N, C-alpha and C. Protein backbone atom coordinates (compact mmCIF):
# COMPACT_ATOMS: atom_id res chain seq x y z
N MET A 1 -12.19 17.46 38.12
CA MET A 1 -10.98 16.78 37.68
C MET A 1 -10.68 15.61 38.61
N ALA A 2 -10.08 14.61 38.08
CA ALA A 2 -9.74 13.41 38.84
C ALA A 2 -8.72 13.71 39.93
N GLY A 3 -8.77 12.93 41.02
CA GLY A 3 -7.91 13.19 42.15
C GLY A 3 -6.76 12.21 42.35
N ARG A 4 -6.76 11.08 41.67
CA ARG A 4 -5.71 10.08 41.83
C ARG A 4 -5.17 9.66 40.47
N ILE A 5 -3.99 9.04 40.49
CA ILE A 5 -3.43 8.56 39.23
C ILE A 5 -2.93 7.12 39.36
N LYS A 6 -2.91 6.44 38.26
CA LYS A 6 -2.33 5.10 38.14
C LYS A 6 -1.50 5.14 36.86
N VAL A 7 -0.32 4.53 36.88
CA VAL A 7 0.56 4.57 35.72
C VAL A 7 0.95 3.16 35.30
N GLY A 8 1.37 3.03 34.06
CA GLY A 8 1.83 1.74 33.57
C GLY A 8 2.52 1.90 32.24
N GLN A 9 3.01 0.80 31.73
CA GLN A 9 3.64 0.82 30.41
C GLN A 9 3.42 -0.52 29.72
N PHE A 10 3.55 -0.48 28.41
CA PHE A 10 3.38 -1.66 27.59
C PHE A 10 4.35 -1.56 26.42
N SER A 11 4.99 -2.67 26.10
CA SER A 11 5.85 -2.69 24.91
C SER A 11 5.66 -4.00 24.17
N ILE A 12 5.96 -3.95 22.88
CA ILE A 12 5.77 -5.11 22.02
C ILE A 12 6.80 -5.06 20.90
N ASP A 13 7.12 -6.22 20.34
CA ASP A 13 8.06 -6.25 19.22
C ASP A 13 7.64 -7.31 18.22
N ILE A 14 8.46 -7.50 17.20
CA ILE A 14 8.09 -8.39 16.10
C ILE A 14 8.07 -9.86 16.48
N ASN A 15 8.44 -10.20 17.70
CA ASN A 15 8.28 -11.58 18.16
C ASN A 15 6.81 -11.93 18.39
N ASN A 16 5.94 -10.91 18.43
CA ASN A 16 4.51 -11.10 18.52
C ASN A 16 3.94 -11.12 17.10
N ASN A 17 3.28 -12.21 16.72
CA ASN A 17 2.79 -12.36 15.35
C ASN A 17 1.84 -11.25 14.92
N GLU A 18 1.00 -10.76 15.83
CA GLU A 18 0.06 -9.69 15.48
C GLU A 18 0.76 -8.36 15.22
N PHE A 19 1.91 -8.16 15.84
CA PHE A 19 2.65 -6.90 15.68
C PHE A 19 3.60 -6.96 14.47
N LYS A 20 3.93 -8.15 14.01
CA LYS A 20 4.91 -8.33 12.94
C LYS A 20 4.58 -7.49 11.71
N GLN A 21 3.28 -7.21 11.49
CA GLN A 21 2.86 -6.38 10.35
C GLN A 21 3.48 -4.98 10.37
N PHE A 22 3.92 -4.51 11.54
CA PHE A 22 4.52 -3.18 11.64
C PHE A 22 5.91 -3.14 11.00
N SER A 23 6.51 -4.30 10.78
CA SER A 23 7.86 -4.34 10.22
C SER A 23 7.86 -4.67 8.73
N THR A 24 6.69 -4.91 8.17
CA THR A 24 6.59 -5.23 6.74
C THR A 24 5.41 -4.49 6.14
N GLY A 25 5.40 -4.39 4.86
CA GLY A 25 4.24 -3.83 4.18
C GLY A 25 4.17 -2.32 4.22
N THR A 26 3.10 -1.82 3.64
CA THR A 26 2.84 -0.39 3.59
C THR A 26 1.37 -0.16 3.91
N GLY A 27 1.01 1.09 4.03
CA GLY A 27 -0.37 1.43 4.34
C GLY A 27 -0.62 1.45 5.83
N VAL A 28 -1.88 1.58 6.19
CA VAL A 28 -2.27 1.67 7.60
C VAL A 28 -2.26 0.28 8.24
N ARG A 29 -1.57 0.18 9.38
CA ARG A 29 -1.51 -1.06 10.16
C ARG A 29 -1.75 -0.70 11.61
N THR A 30 -2.64 -1.44 12.26
CA THR A 30 -3.04 -1.12 13.63
C THR A 30 -2.91 -2.33 14.54
N TYR A 31 -2.44 -2.08 15.76
CA TYR A 31 -2.37 -3.10 16.80
C TYR A 31 -3.15 -2.57 18.00
N ARG A 32 -3.99 -3.41 18.59
CA ARG A 32 -4.79 -3.03 19.76
C ARG A 32 -4.49 -3.97 20.92
N LYS A 33 -4.37 -3.39 22.10
CA LYS A 33 -4.10 -4.17 23.31
C LYS A 33 -5.00 -3.66 24.43
N TYR A 34 -5.79 -4.56 25.02
CA TYR A 34 -6.62 -4.16 26.15
C TYR A 34 -5.77 -4.11 27.41
N ILE A 35 -5.79 -2.98 28.09
CA ILE A 35 -5.08 -2.79 29.35
C ILE A 35 -6.12 -2.81 30.47
N LYS A 36 -6.01 -3.79 31.37
CA LYS A 36 -6.96 -3.95 32.48
C LYS A 36 -6.40 -3.29 33.73
N PHE A 37 -7.21 -2.44 34.37
CA PHE A 37 -6.82 -1.87 35.65
C PHE A 37 -7.07 -2.91 36.73
N ASP A 38 -6.12 -3.05 37.65
CA ASP A 38 -6.28 -4.01 38.73
C ASP A 38 -5.85 -3.35 40.04
N PRO A 39 -6.78 -3.00 40.90
CA PRO A 39 -8.22 -3.21 40.79
C PRO A 39 -8.87 -2.15 39.89
N ASP A 40 -10.18 -2.32 39.63
CA ASP A 40 -10.92 -1.32 38.86
C ASP A 40 -10.78 0.04 39.53
N LEU A 41 -10.80 1.09 38.72
CA LEU A 41 -10.70 2.45 39.25
C LEU A 41 -12.08 2.98 39.57
N SER A 42 -12.14 4.08 40.33
CA SER A 42 -13.42 4.66 40.72
C SER A 42 -13.63 6.00 40.04
N GLY A 43 -14.88 6.35 39.86
CA GLY A 43 -15.22 7.65 39.29
C GLY A 43 -14.90 7.75 37.81
N THR A 44 -14.77 8.98 37.34
CA THR A 44 -14.44 9.26 35.95
C THR A 44 -12.96 8.96 35.72
N VAL A 45 -12.65 8.32 34.58
CA VAL A 45 -11.27 7.95 34.27
C VAL A 45 -10.86 8.61 32.95
N ASP A 46 -9.71 9.28 32.96
CA ASP A 46 -9.09 9.84 31.76
C ASP A 46 -7.73 9.21 31.59
N VAL A 47 -7.36 8.85 30.37
CA VAL A 47 -6.07 8.20 30.11
C VAL A 47 -5.29 8.98 29.06
N VAL A 48 -4.00 9.17 29.35
CA VAL A 48 -3.06 9.78 28.41
C VAL A 48 -2.02 8.72 28.07
N VAL A 49 -1.71 8.59 26.77
CA VAL A 49 -0.73 7.61 26.29
C VAL A 49 0.41 8.36 25.60
N ALA A 50 1.65 7.91 25.83
CA ALA A 50 2.82 8.51 25.19
C ALA A 50 3.80 7.41 24.77
N ILE A 51 4.44 7.60 23.64
CA ILE A 51 5.45 6.66 23.18
C ILE A 51 6.68 6.80 24.07
N ASN A 52 7.23 5.66 24.55
CA ASN A 52 8.45 5.74 25.36
C ASN A 52 9.64 5.05 24.70
N HIS A 53 9.40 4.28 23.62
CA HIS A 53 10.54 3.80 22.83
C HIS A 53 10.09 3.31 21.46
N ILE A 54 10.99 3.45 20.50
CA ILE A 54 10.77 2.99 19.14
C ILE A 54 12.01 2.23 18.71
N ASP A 55 11.82 1.03 18.19
CA ASP A 55 12.90 0.26 17.59
C ASP A 55 12.69 0.32 16.08
N LYS A 56 13.44 1.18 15.42
CA LYS A 56 13.28 1.42 14.00
C LYS A 56 13.79 0.23 13.20
N GLY A 57 13.01 -0.18 12.20
CA GLY A 57 13.41 -1.26 11.33
C GLY A 57 14.55 -0.86 10.41
N ASN A 58 15.25 -1.83 9.86
CA ASN A 58 16.41 -1.56 9.00
C ASN A 58 16.06 -0.78 7.75
N ASP A 59 14.90 -1.02 7.18
CA ASP A 59 14.54 -0.39 5.92
C ASP A 59 13.70 0.87 6.10
N ALA A 60 13.58 1.37 7.31
CA ALA A 60 12.70 2.51 7.57
C ALA A 60 13.33 3.81 7.07
N THR A 61 12.55 4.55 6.30
CA THR A 61 12.96 5.90 5.92
C THR A 61 12.07 6.93 6.60
N ASN A 62 10.83 6.57 6.86
CA ASN A 62 9.88 7.45 7.56
C ASN A 62 9.36 6.73 8.80
N ILE A 63 9.07 7.51 9.81
CA ILE A 63 8.46 6.96 11.02
C ILE A 63 7.15 7.73 11.25
N SER A 64 6.04 7.07 10.98
CA SER A 64 4.71 7.66 11.17
C SER A 64 3.94 6.77 12.14
N ILE A 65 3.73 7.28 13.36
CA ILE A 65 3.11 6.48 14.43
C ILE A 65 2.08 7.33 15.17
N ASN A 66 0.97 6.70 15.51
CA ASN A 66 -0.02 7.33 16.36
C ASN A 66 -0.36 6.35 17.48
N THR A 67 -0.44 6.83 18.71
CA THR A 67 -0.88 6.01 19.84
C THR A 67 -1.99 6.75 20.57
N LEU A 68 -2.98 6.01 21.03
CA LEU A 68 -4.08 6.63 21.77
C LEU A 68 -4.81 5.61 22.61
N ALA A 69 -5.63 6.11 23.52
CA ALA A 69 -6.47 5.26 24.37
C ALA A 69 -7.91 5.39 23.88
N GLU A 70 -8.56 4.24 23.68
CA GLU A 70 -9.97 4.22 23.29
C GLU A 70 -10.75 3.37 24.28
N ASN A 71 -12.06 3.56 24.30
CA ASN A 71 -12.97 2.75 25.12
C ASN A 71 -12.53 2.72 26.59
N VAL A 72 -12.24 3.90 27.11
CA VAL A 72 -11.77 4.03 28.50
C VAL A 72 -12.96 3.91 29.44
N ASP A 73 -12.82 3.07 30.46
CA ASP A 73 -13.80 3.00 31.53
C ASP A 73 -13.08 2.62 32.83
N ARG A 74 -13.83 2.36 33.89
CA ARG A 74 -13.24 2.07 35.20
C ARG A 74 -12.47 0.75 35.22
N GLU A 75 -12.74 -0.14 34.26
CA GLU A 75 -12.09 -1.45 34.22
C GLU A 75 -10.80 -1.46 33.42
N GLY A 76 -10.66 -0.54 32.47
CA GLY A 76 -9.46 -0.51 31.63
C GLY A 76 -9.67 0.31 30.38
N PHE A 77 -8.80 0.09 29.40
CA PHE A 77 -8.90 0.83 28.14
C PHE A 77 -8.21 0.04 27.04
N GLU A 78 -8.46 0.44 25.81
CA GLU A 78 -7.83 -0.18 24.67
C GLU A 78 -6.70 0.73 24.18
N LEU A 79 -5.47 0.23 24.25
CA LEU A 79 -4.30 0.95 23.74
C LEU A 79 -4.23 0.67 22.24
N VAL A 80 -4.24 1.73 21.44
CA VAL A 80 -4.24 1.59 19.98
C VAL A 80 -2.94 2.18 19.44
N MET A 81 -2.21 1.37 18.69
CA MET A 81 -0.96 1.79 18.04
C MET A 81 -1.17 1.66 16.54
N THR A 82 -0.93 2.73 15.80
CA THR A 82 -1.14 2.71 14.35
C THR A 82 0.08 3.29 13.65
N VAL A 83 0.48 2.63 12.55
CA VAL A 83 1.51 3.16 11.66
C VAL A 83 0.93 3.23 10.26
N TRP A 84 1.56 4.00 9.39
CA TRP A 84 1.07 4.12 8.03
C TRP A 84 2.23 4.42 7.07
N ALA A 85 1.86 4.47 5.79
CA ALA A 85 2.83 4.70 4.71
C ALA A 85 3.87 3.59 4.73
N ASP A 86 5.15 3.94 4.56
CA ASP A 86 6.20 2.92 4.51
C ASP A 86 6.92 2.76 5.85
N THR A 87 6.27 3.15 6.94
CA THR A 87 6.86 2.99 8.27
C THR A 87 7.22 1.54 8.53
N ASN A 88 8.42 1.32 9.04
CA ASN A 88 8.93 -0.02 9.33
C ASN A 88 9.57 0.02 10.71
N ILE A 89 8.88 -0.54 11.70
CA ILE A 89 9.44 -0.58 13.05
C ILE A 89 9.41 -2.01 13.57
N SER A 90 10.39 -2.32 14.42
CA SER A 90 10.51 -3.66 14.99
C SER A 90 10.01 -3.74 16.41
N GLY A 91 9.82 -2.60 17.06
CA GLY A 91 9.33 -2.59 18.44
C GLY A 91 8.78 -1.23 18.79
N LEU A 92 7.83 -1.22 19.70
CA LEU A 92 7.19 0.04 20.12
C LEU A 92 6.76 -0.09 21.56
N GLY A 93 7.00 0.94 22.34
CA GLY A 93 6.59 0.96 23.74
C GLY A 93 5.83 2.22 24.07
N CYS A 94 4.88 2.10 24.98
CA CYS A 94 4.07 3.24 25.41
C CYS A 94 3.97 3.26 26.93
N SER A 95 3.95 4.45 27.48
CA SER A 95 3.62 4.67 28.88
C SER A 95 2.23 5.26 28.93
N TRP A 96 1.51 5.00 30.01
CA TRP A 96 0.18 5.58 30.16
C TRP A 96 -0.03 6.07 31.58
N ILE A 97 -0.88 7.09 31.68
CA ILE A 97 -1.28 7.65 32.97
C ILE A 97 -2.81 7.70 32.98
N ALA A 98 -3.41 7.12 33.98
CA ALA A 98 -4.85 7.17 34.17
C ALA A 98 -5.13 8.07 35.37
N ALA A 99 -5.91 9.12 35.14
CA ALA A 99 -6.34 10.01 36.23
C ALA A 99 -7.79 9.64 36.53
N TYR A 100 -8.11 9.49 37.80
CA TYR A 100 -9.46 9.02 38.17
C TYR A 100 -9.87 9.57 39.53
N GLY A 101 -11.15 9.40 39.84
CA GLY A 101 -11.66 9.77 41.15
C GLY A 101 -12.85 10.67 41.07
């Protein structure tokens, strides 16, 4: 098991054109953000992602959200945020913990 941790957070809202799709439309919509570790981490790296805030859109009746870390390595990871169905959100934030060593 890893011996050290690094933490961080990321948030985004509809002022970002790529995220604006989360506040309109239906179906599956995904936003990806590369998170770079500075400096690079050592050894095996595991990342856990958790939602830390949701700004619900005015027309939202359902909130269906998935967040996860993909392509994790010593340099960073890809934070993936996905909504589906008629989910309508104006902002989303995630915290992450990287365990390494």
